[in-house]
Amino acid sequence: MTTMNIHQAKTQLSRLLARVAKGEEVVIANAGRPVARLVPFEPSAPRREFGHDRGKLTIPKDFDAPLSDRLLRTFEE
């Protein structure tokens, strides 16, 4: 990781960004004290699409029907 003062970073911004684009991290300092860090840009994950599995699943008409007494006892034990 390279550290540069603000004045140096301003005068060499193009070269600095080229180094960051190659994967290097650069710390920008003010009077020797770190104030910022430049890191390569990473695009965010693609957005999810709703309805992607539409038509692949079926829900029976009686999915919310009461359980039989025998099955209900199994859950209660």
PDB file of N, CA and C in Angstrom:
ATOM      1  N   MET A   1       0.856  -1.166   0.000  1.00  0.00           N
ATOM      2  CA  MET A   1       0.000   0.000   0.000  1.00  0.00           C
ATOM      3  C   MET A   1       0.903   1.231   0.000  1.00  0.00           C
ATOM      4  N   THR A   2       0.634   2.134  -0.911  1.00  0.00           N
ATOM      5  CA  THR A   2       1.405   3.359  -1.058  1.00  0.00           C
ATOM      6  C   THR A   2       0.705   4.501  -0.331  1.00  0.00           C
ATOM      7  N   THR A   3       1.496   5.394   0.273  1.00  0.00           N
ATOM      8  CA  THR A   3       0.948   6.586   0.913  1.00  0.00           C
ATOM      9  C   THR A   3       1.477   7.808   0.182  1.00  0.00           C
ATOM     10  N   MET A   4       0.581   8.741  -0.137  1.00  0.00           N
ATOM     11  CA  MET A   4       0.953   9.983  -0.817  1.00  0.00           C
ATOM     12  C   MET A   4       0.315  11.155  -0.102  1.00  0.00           C
ATOM     13  N   ASN A   5       1.006  12.279  -0.098  1.00  0.00           N
ATOM     14  CA  ASN A   5       0.419  13.505   0.430  1.00  0.00           C
ATOM     15  C   ASN A   5      -0.555  14.080  -0.599  1.00  0.00           C
ATOM     16  N   ILE A   6      -1.443  14.942  -0.161  1.00  0.00           N
ATOM     17  CA  ILE A   6      -2.492  15.489  -1.009  1.00  0.00           C
ATOM     18  C   ILE A   6      -1.906  16.199  -2.227  1.00  0.00           C
ATOM     19  N   HIS A   7      -0.896  17.040  -2.030  1.00  0.00           N
ATOM     20  CA  HIS A   7      -0.306  17.775  -3.149  1.00  0.00           C
ATOM     21  C   HIS A   7       0.250  16.810  -4.198  1.00  0.00           C
ATOM     22  N   GLN A   8       0.956  15.806  -3.758  1.00  0.00           N
ATOM     23  CA  GLN A   8       1.528  14.813  -4.669  1.00  0.00           C
ATOM     24  C   GLN A   8       0.420  14.057  -5.402  1.00  0.00           C
ATOM     25  N   ALA A   9      -0.649  13.704  -4.708  1.00  0.00           N
ATOM     26  CA  ALA A   9      -1.766  12.985  -5.329  1.00  0.00           C
ATOM     27  C   ALA A   9      -2.461  13.852  -6.375  1.00  0.00           C
ATOM     28  N   LYS A  10      -2.612  15.151  -6.089  1.00  0.00           N
ATOM     29  CA  LYS A  10      -3.253  16.050  -7.057  1.00  0.00           C
ATOM     30  C   LYS A  10      -2.432  16.170  -8.331  1.00  0.00           C
ATOM     31  N   THR A  11      -1.131  16.271  -8.202  1.00  0.00           N
ATOM     32  CA  THR A  11      -0.295  16.459  -9.386  1.00  0.00           C
ATOM     33  C   THR A  11      -0.120  15.178 -10.191  1.00  0.00           C
ATOM     34  N   GLN A  12      -0.333  14.021  -9.569  1.00  0.00           N
ATOM     35  CA  GLN A  12      -0.134  12.742 -10.261  1.00  0.00           C
ATOM     36  C   GLN A  12      -1.419  11.921 -10.310  1.00  0.00           C
ATOM     37  N   LEU A  13      -2.552  12.580 -10.341  1.00  0.00           N
ATOM     38  CA  LEU A  13      -3.828  11.873 -10.249  1.00  0.00           C
ATOM     39  C   LEU A  13      -4.011  10.816 -11.336  1.00  0.00           C
ATOM     40  N   SER A  14      -3.685  11.131 -12.576  1.00  0.00           N
ATOM     41  CA  SER A  14      -3.868  10.149 -13.663  1.00  0.00           C
ATOM     42  C   SER A  14      -3.033   8.899 -13.422  1.00  0.00           C
ATOM     43  N   ARG A  15      -1.762   9.091 -13.064  1.00  0.00           N
ATOM     44  CA  ARG A  15      -0.897   7.935 -12.790  1.00  0.00           C
ATOM     45  C   ARG A  15      -1.379   7.171 -11.573  1.00  0.00           C
ATOM     46  N   LEU A  16      -1.843   7.899 -10.590  1.00  0.00           N
ATOM     47  CA  LEU A  16      -2.349   7.287  -9.364  1.00  0.00           C
ATOM     48  C   LEU A  16      -3.562   6.410  -9.653  1.00  0.00           C
ATOM     49  N   LEU A  17      -4.486   6.914 -10.459  1.00  0.00           N
ATOM     50  CA  LEU A  17      -5.679   6.143 -10.810  1.00  0.00           C
ATOM     51  C   LEU A  17      -5.326   4.917 -11.644  1.00  0.00           C
ATOM     52  N   ALA A  18      -4.312   5.018 -12.496  1.00  0.00           N
ATOM     53  CA  ALA A  18      -3.881   3.860 -13.282  1.00  0.00           C
ATOM     54  C   ALA A  18      -3.360   2.760 -12.357  1.00  0.00           C
ATOM     55  N   ARG A  19      -2.625   3.139 -11.327  1.00  0.00           N
ATOM     56  CA  ARG A  19      -2.119   2.149 -10.367  1.00  0.00           C
ATOM     57  C   ARG A  19      -3.268   1.509  -9.590  1.00  0.00           C
ATOM     58  N   VAL A  20      -4.232   2.331  -9.202  1.00  0.00           N
ATOM     59  CA  VAL A  20      -5.385   1.803  -8.463  1.00  0.00           C
ATOM     60  C   VAL A  20      -6.196   0.864  -9.354  1.00  0.00           C
ATOM     61  N   ALA A  21      -6.343   1.194 -10.632  1.00  0.00           N
ATOM     62  CA  ALA A  21      -7.099   0.342 -11.549  1.00  0.00           C
ATOM     63  C   ALA A  21      -6.444  -1.027 -11.698  1.00  0.00           C
ATOM     64  N   LYS A  22      -5.135  -1.109 -11.490  1.00  0.00           N
ATOM     65  CA  LYS A  22      -4.425  -2.389 -11.572  1.00  0.00           C
ATOM     66  C   LYS A  22      -4.525  -3.196 -10.274  1.00  0.00           C
ATOM     67  N   GLY A  23      -5.168  -2.622  -9.254  1.00  0.00           N
ATOM     68  CA  GLY A  23      -5.395  -3.366  -8.019  1.00  0.00           C
ATOM     69  C   GLY A  23      -4.671  -2.828  -6.806  1.00  0.00           C
ATOM     70  N   GLU A  24      -3.844  -1.825  -6.962  1.00  0.00           N
ATOM     71  CA  GLU A  24      -3.096  -1.273  -5.836  1.00  0.00           C
ATOM     72  C   GLU A  24      -3.987  -0.354  -5.005  1.00  0.00           C
ATOM     73  N   GLU A  25      -3.774  -0.349  -3.702  1.00  0.00           N
ATOM     74  CA  GLU A  25      -4.481   0.581  -2.820  1.00  0.00           C
ATOM     75  C   GLU A  25      -3.530   1.718  -2.476  1.00  0.00           C
ATOM     76  N   VAL A  26      -4.071   2.937  -2.429  1.00  0.00           N
ATOM     77  CA  VAL A  26      -3.259   4.114  -2.152  1.00  0.00           C
ATOM     78  C   VAL A  26      -3.911   4.904  -1.022  1.00  0.00           C
ATOM     79  N   VAL A  27      -3.115   5.282  -0.046  1.00  0.00           N
ATOM     80  CA  VAL A  27      -3.594   6.111   1.059  1.00  0.00           C
ATOM     81  C   VAL A  27      -3.170   7.541   0.777  1.00  0.00           C
ATOM     82  N   ILE A  28      -4.108   8.475   0.902  1.00  0.00           N
ATOM     83  CA  ILE A  28      -3.806   9.900   0.730  1.00  0.00           C
ATOM     84  C   ILE A  28      -3.745  10.529   2.115  1.00  0.00           C
ATOM     85  N   ALA A  29      -2.649  11.240   2.352  1.00  0.00           N
ATOM     86  CA  ALA A  29      -2.413  11.801   3.679  1.00  0.00           C
ATOM     87  C   ALA A  29      -2.340  13.320   3.623  1.00  0.00           C
ATOM     88  N   ASN A  30      -2.685  13.942   4.733  1.00  0.00           N
ATOM     89  CA  ASN A  30      -2.572  15.386   4.898  1.00  0.00           C
ATOM     90  C   ASN A  30      -1.569  15.618   6.023  1.00  0.00           C
ATOM     91  N   ALA A  31      -0.432  16.183   5.680  1.00  0.00           N
ATOM     92  CA  ALA A  31       0.652  16.401   6.643  1.00  0.00           C
ATOM     93  C   ALA A  31       1.063  15.090   7.317  1.00  0.00           C
ATOM     94  N   GLY A  32       1.084  14.024   6.531  1.00  0.00           N
ATOM     95  CA  GLY A  32       1.520  12.729   7.046  1.00  0.00           C
ATOM     96  C   GLY A  32       0.444  11.920   7.744  1.00  0.00           C
ATOM     97  N   ARG A  33      -0.731  12.483   7.928  1.00  0.00           N
ATOM     98  CA  ARG A  33      -1.827  11.761   8.602  1.00  0.00           C
ATOM     99  C   ARG A  33      -2.806  11.238   7.552  1.00  0.00           C
ATOM    100  N   PRO A  34      -3.064   9.935   7.517  1.00  0.00           N
ATOM    101  CA  PRO A  34      -3.976   9.366   6.513  1.00  0.00           C
ATOM    102  C   PRO A  34      -5.384   9.957   6.634  1.00  0.00           C
ATOM    103  N   VAL A  35      -5.957  10.338   5.474  1.00  0.00           N
ATOM    104  CA  VAL A  35      -7.314  10.890   5.466  1.00  0.00           C
ATOM    105  C   VAL A  35      -8.228  10.150   4.493  1.00  0.00           C
ATOM    106  N   ALA A  36      -7.663   9.427   3.523  1.00  0.00           N
ATOM    107  CA  ALA A  36      -8.502   8.725   2.546  1.00  0.00           C
ATOM    108  C   ALA A  36      -7.729   7.532   1.992  1.00  0.00           C
ATOM    109  N   ARG A  37      -8.489   6.585   1.465  1.00  0.00           N
ATOM    110  CA  ARG A  37      -7.882   5.418   0.834  1.00  0.00           C
ATOM    111  C   ARG A  37      -8.543   5.216  -0.521  1.00  0.00           C
ATOM    112  N   LEU A  38      -7.744   5.109  -1.569  1.00  0.00           N
ATOM    113  CA  LEU A  38      -8.258   4.820  -2.909  1.00  0.00           C
ATOM    114  C   LEU A  38      -8.131   3.330  -3.154  1.00  0.00           C
ATOM    115  N   VAL A  39      -9.223   2.720  -3.543  1.00  0.00           N
ATOM    116  CA  VAL A  39      -9.237   1.284  -3.829  1.00  0.00           C
ATOM    117  C   VAL A  39      -9.890   1.067  -5.189  1.00  0.00           C
ATOM    118  N   PRO A  40      -9.601  -0.048  -5.849  1.00  0.00           N
ATOM    119  CA  PRO A  40     -10.235  -0.312  -7.144  1.00  0.00           C
ATOM    120  C   PRO A  40     -11.755  -0.406  -7.000  1.00  0.00           C
ATOM    121  N   PHE A  41     -12.448   0.068  -8.011  1.00  0.00           N
ATOM    122  CA  PHE A  41     -13.903   0.043  -8.028  1.00  0.00           C
ATOM    123  C   PHE A  41     -14.386  -1.364  -8.332  1.00  0.00           C
ATOM    124  N   GLU A  42     -15.334  -1.849  -7.548  1.00  0.00           N
ATOM    125  CA  GLU A  42     -15.940  -3.154  -7.785  1.00  0.00           C
ATOM    126  C   GLU A  42     -17.433  -2.954  -7.994  1.00  0.00           C
ATOM    127  N   PRO A  43     -17.944  -3.293  -9.178  1.00  0.00           N
ATOM    128  CA  PRO A  43     -19.374  -3.114  -9.417  1.00  0.00           C
ATOM    129  C   PRO A  43     -20.196  -3.987  -8.467  1.00  0.00           C
ATOM    130  N   SER A  44     -21.356  -3.499  -8.115  1.00  0.00           N
ATOM    131  CA  SER A  44     -22.230  -4.252  -7.206  1.00  0.00           C
ATOM    132  C   SER A  44     -22.828  -5.456  -7.925  1.00  0.00           C
ATOM    133  N   ALA A  45     -23.336  -6.369  -7.140  1.00  0.00           N
ATOM    134  CA  ALA A  45     -23.953  -7.577  -7.691  1.00  0.00           C
ATOM    135  C   ALA A  45     -25.188  -7.196  -8.507  1.00  0.00           C
ATOM    136  N   PRO A  46     -25.508  -7.978  -9.532  1.00  0.00           N
ATOM    137  CA  PRO A  46     -26.694  -7.660 -10.329  1.00  0.00           C
ATOM    138  C   PRO A  46     -27.957  -7.755  -9.484  1.00  0.00           C
ATOM    139  N   ARG A  47     -28.928  -6.944  -9.835  1.00  0.00           N
ATOM    140  CA  ARG A  47     -30.195  -6.948  -9.101  1.00  0.00           C
ATOM    141  C   ARG A  47     -30.970  -8.225  -9.377  1.00  0.00           C
ATOM    142  N   ARG A  48     -31.690  -8.689  -8.382  1.00  0.00           N
ATOM    143  CA  ARG A  48     -32.517  -9.881  -8.534  1.00  0.00           C
ATOM    144  C   ARG A  48     -33.741  -9.573  -9.380  1.00  0.00           C
ATOM    145  N   GLU A  49     -34.165 -10.539 -10.159  1.00  0.00           N
ATOM    146  CA  GLU A  49     -35.369 -10.382 -10.965  1.00  0.00           C
ATOM    147  C   GLU A  49     -36.504 -11.143 -10.290  1.00  0.00           C
ATOM    148  N   PHE A  50     -37.590 -10.453 -10.029  1.00  0.00           N
ATOM    149  CA  PHE A  50     -38.753 -11.107  -9.443  1.00  0.00           C
ATOM    150  C   PHE A  50     -39.446 -11.948 -10.503  1.00  0.00           C
ATOM    151  N   GLY A  51     -39.995 -13.072 -10.075  1.00  0.00           N
ATOM    152  CA  GLY A  51     -40.746 -13.924 -10.976  1.00  0.00           C
ATOM    153  C   GLY A  51     -39.865 -14.841 -11.800  1.00  0.00           C
ATOM    154  N   HIS A  52     -38.611 -14.978 -11.432  1.00  0.00           N
ATOM    155  CA  HIS A  52     -37.683 -15.806 -12.205  1.00  0.00           C
ATOM    156  C   HIS A  52     -38.139 -17.271 -12.258  1.00  0.00           C
ATOM    157  N   ASP A  53     -38.738 -17.766 -11.185  1.00  0.00           N
ATOM    158  CA  ASP A  53     -39.188 -19.161 -11.134  1.00  0.00           C
ATOM    159  C   ASP A  53     -40.682 -19.309 -11.421  1.00  0.00           C
ATOM    160  N   ARG A  54     -41.288 -18.274 -11.968  1.00  0.00           N
ATOM    161  CA  ARG A  54     -42.712 -18.331 -12.260  1.00  0.00           C
ATOM    162  C   ARG A  54     -43.009 -19.512 -13.186  1.00  0.00           C
ATOM    163  N   GLY A  55     -44.004 -20.307 -12.812  1.00  0.00           N
ATOM    164  CA  GLY A  55     -44.404 -21.454 -13.615  1.00  0.00           C
ATOM    165  C   GLY A  55     -43.659 -22.733 -13.274  1.00  0.00           C
ATOM    166  N   LYS A  56     -42.639 -22.659 -12.445  1.00  0.00           N
ATOM    167  CA  LYS A  56     -41.865 -23.854 -12.090  1.00  0.00           C
ATOM    168  C   LYS A  56     -42.417 -24.561 -10.857  1.00  0.00           C
ATOM    169  N   LEU A  57     -43.202 -23.849 -10.066  1.00  0.00           N
ATOM    170  CA  LEU A  57     -43.761 -24.412  -8.840  1.00  0.00           C
ATOM    171  C   LEU A  57     -45.276 -24.398  -8.910  1.00  0.00           C
ATOM    172  N   THR A  58     -45.868 -25.409  -8.294  1.00  0.00           N
ATOM    173  CA  THR A  58     -47.327 -25.419  -8.190  1.00  0.00           C
ATOM    174  C   THR A  58     -47.708 -25.564  -6.725  1.00  0.00           C
ATOM    175  N   ILE A  59     -48.732 -24.863  -6.331  1.00  0.00           N
ATOM    176  CA  ILE A  59     -49.231 -24.933  -4.960  1.00  0.00           C
ATOM    177  C   ILE A  59     -50.612 -25.570  -5.023  1.00  0.00           C
ATOM    178  N   PRO A  60     -50.790 -26.684  -4.329  1.00  0.00           N
ATOM    179  CA  PRO A  60     -52.098 -27.344  -4.369  1.00  0.00           C
ATOM    180  C   PRO A  60     -53.194 -26.446  -3.794  1.00  0.00           C
ATOM    181  N   LYS A  61     -54.413 -26.621  -4.272  1.00  0.00           N
ATOM    182  CA  LYS A  61     -55.531 -25.793  -3.828  1.00  0.00           C
ATOM    183  C   LYS A  61     -55.806 -25.947  -2.333  1.00  0.00           C
ATOM    184  N   ASP A  62     -55.494 -27.119  -1.762  1.00  0.00           N
ATOM    185  CA  ASP A  62     -55.786 -27.358  -0.343  1.00  0.00           C
ATOM    186  C   ASP A  62     -54.535 -27.214   0.535  1.00  0.00           C
ATOM    187  N   PHE A  63     -53.558 -26.406   0.120  1.00  0.00           N
ATOM    188  CA  PHE A  63     -52.314 -26.309   0.885  1.00  0.00           C
ATOM    189  C   PHE A  63     -52.534 -25.784   2.302  1.00  0.00           C
ATOM    190  N   ASP A  64     -53.597 -25.038   2.521  1.00  0.00           N
ATOM    191  CA  ASP A  64     -53.853 -24.504   3.856  1.00  0.00           C
ATOM    192  C   ASP A  64     -55.006 -25.221   4.565  1.00  0.00           C
ATOM    193  N   ALA A  65     -55.344 -26.403   4.080  1.00  0.00           N
ATOM    194  CA  ALA A  65     -56.405 -27.181   4.720  1.00  0.00           C
ATOM    195  C   ALA A  65     -55.907 -27.691   6.078  1.00  0.00           C
ATOM    196  N   PRO A  66     -56.814 -27.888   7.025  1.00  0.00           N
ATOM    197  CA  PRO A  66     -56.409 -28.400   8.336  1.00  0.00           C
ATOM    198  C   PRO A  66     -55.740 -29.773   8.198  1.00  0.00           C
ATOM    199  N   LEU A  67     -54.788 -30.050   9.090  1.00  0.00           N
ATOM    200  CA  LEU A  67     -54.094 -31.335   9.076  1.00  0.00           C
ATOM    201  C   LEU A  67     -55.010 -32.412   9.626  1.00  0.00           C
ATOM    202  N   SER A  68     -54.772 -33.627   9.185  1.00  0.00           N
ATOM    203  CA  SER A  68     -55.552 -34.739   9.734  1.00  0.00           C
ATOM    204  C   SER A  68     -55.163 -34.919  11.197  1.00  0.00           C
ATOM    205  N   ASP A  69     -56.058 -35.510  11.979  1.00  0.00           N
ATOM    206  CA  ASP A  69     -55.792 -35.700  13.407  1.00  0.00           C
ATOM    207  C   ASP A  69     -54.525 -36.518  13.624  1.00  0.00           C
ATOM    208  N   ARG A  70     -54.316 -37.539  12.797  1.00  0.00           N
ATOM    209  CA  ARG A  70     -53.141 -38.397  12.937  1.00  0.00           C
ATOM    210  C   ARG A  70     -51.853 -37.596  12.700  1.00  0.00           C
ATOM    211  N   LEU A  71     -51.815 -36.789  11.660  1.00  0.00           N
ATOM    212  CA  LEU A  71     -50.637 -35.985  11.350  1.00  0.00           C
ATOM    213  C   LEU A  71     -50.421 -34.889  12.394  1.00  0.00           C
ATOM    214  N   LEU A  72     -51.491 -34.298  12.873  1.00  0.00           N
ATOM    215  CA  LEU A  72     -51.399 -33.274  13.893  1.00  0.00           C
ATOM    216  C   LEU A  72     -50.793 -33.825  15.178  1.00  0.00           C
ATOM    217  N   ARG A  73     -51.184 -35.049  15.554  1.00  0.00           N
ATOM    218  CA  ARG A  73     -50.622 -35.679  16.756  1.00  0.00           C
ATOM    219  C   ARG A  73     -49.119 -35.898  16.589  1.00  0.00           C
ATOM    220  N   THR A  74     -48.661 -36.189  15.389  1.00  0.00           N
ATOM    221  CA  THR A  74     -47.235 -36.393  15.133  1.00  0.00           C
ATOM    222  C   THR A  74     -46.444 -35.134  15.463  1.00  0.00           C
ATOM    223  N   PHE A  75     -46.982 -33.963  15.096  1.00  0.00           N
ATOM    224  CA  PHE A  75     -46.294 -32.708  15.381  1.00  0.00           C
ATOM    225  C   PHE A  75     -46.351 -32.344  16.864  1.00  0.00           C
ATOM    226  N   GLU A  76     -47.396 -32.789  17.551  1.00  0.00           N
ATOM    227  CA  GLU A  76     -47.580 -32.405  18.936  1.00  0.00           C
ATOM    228  C   GLU A  76     -46.782 -33.290  19.892  1.00  0.00           C
ATOM    229  N   GLU A  77     -46.297 -34.410  19.437  1.00  0.00           N
ATOM    230  CA  GLU A  77     -45.569 -35.345  20.342  1.00  0.00           C
ATOM    231  C   GLU A  77     -44.200 -34.865  20.668  1.00  0.00           C
TER     232      GLU A  77
END
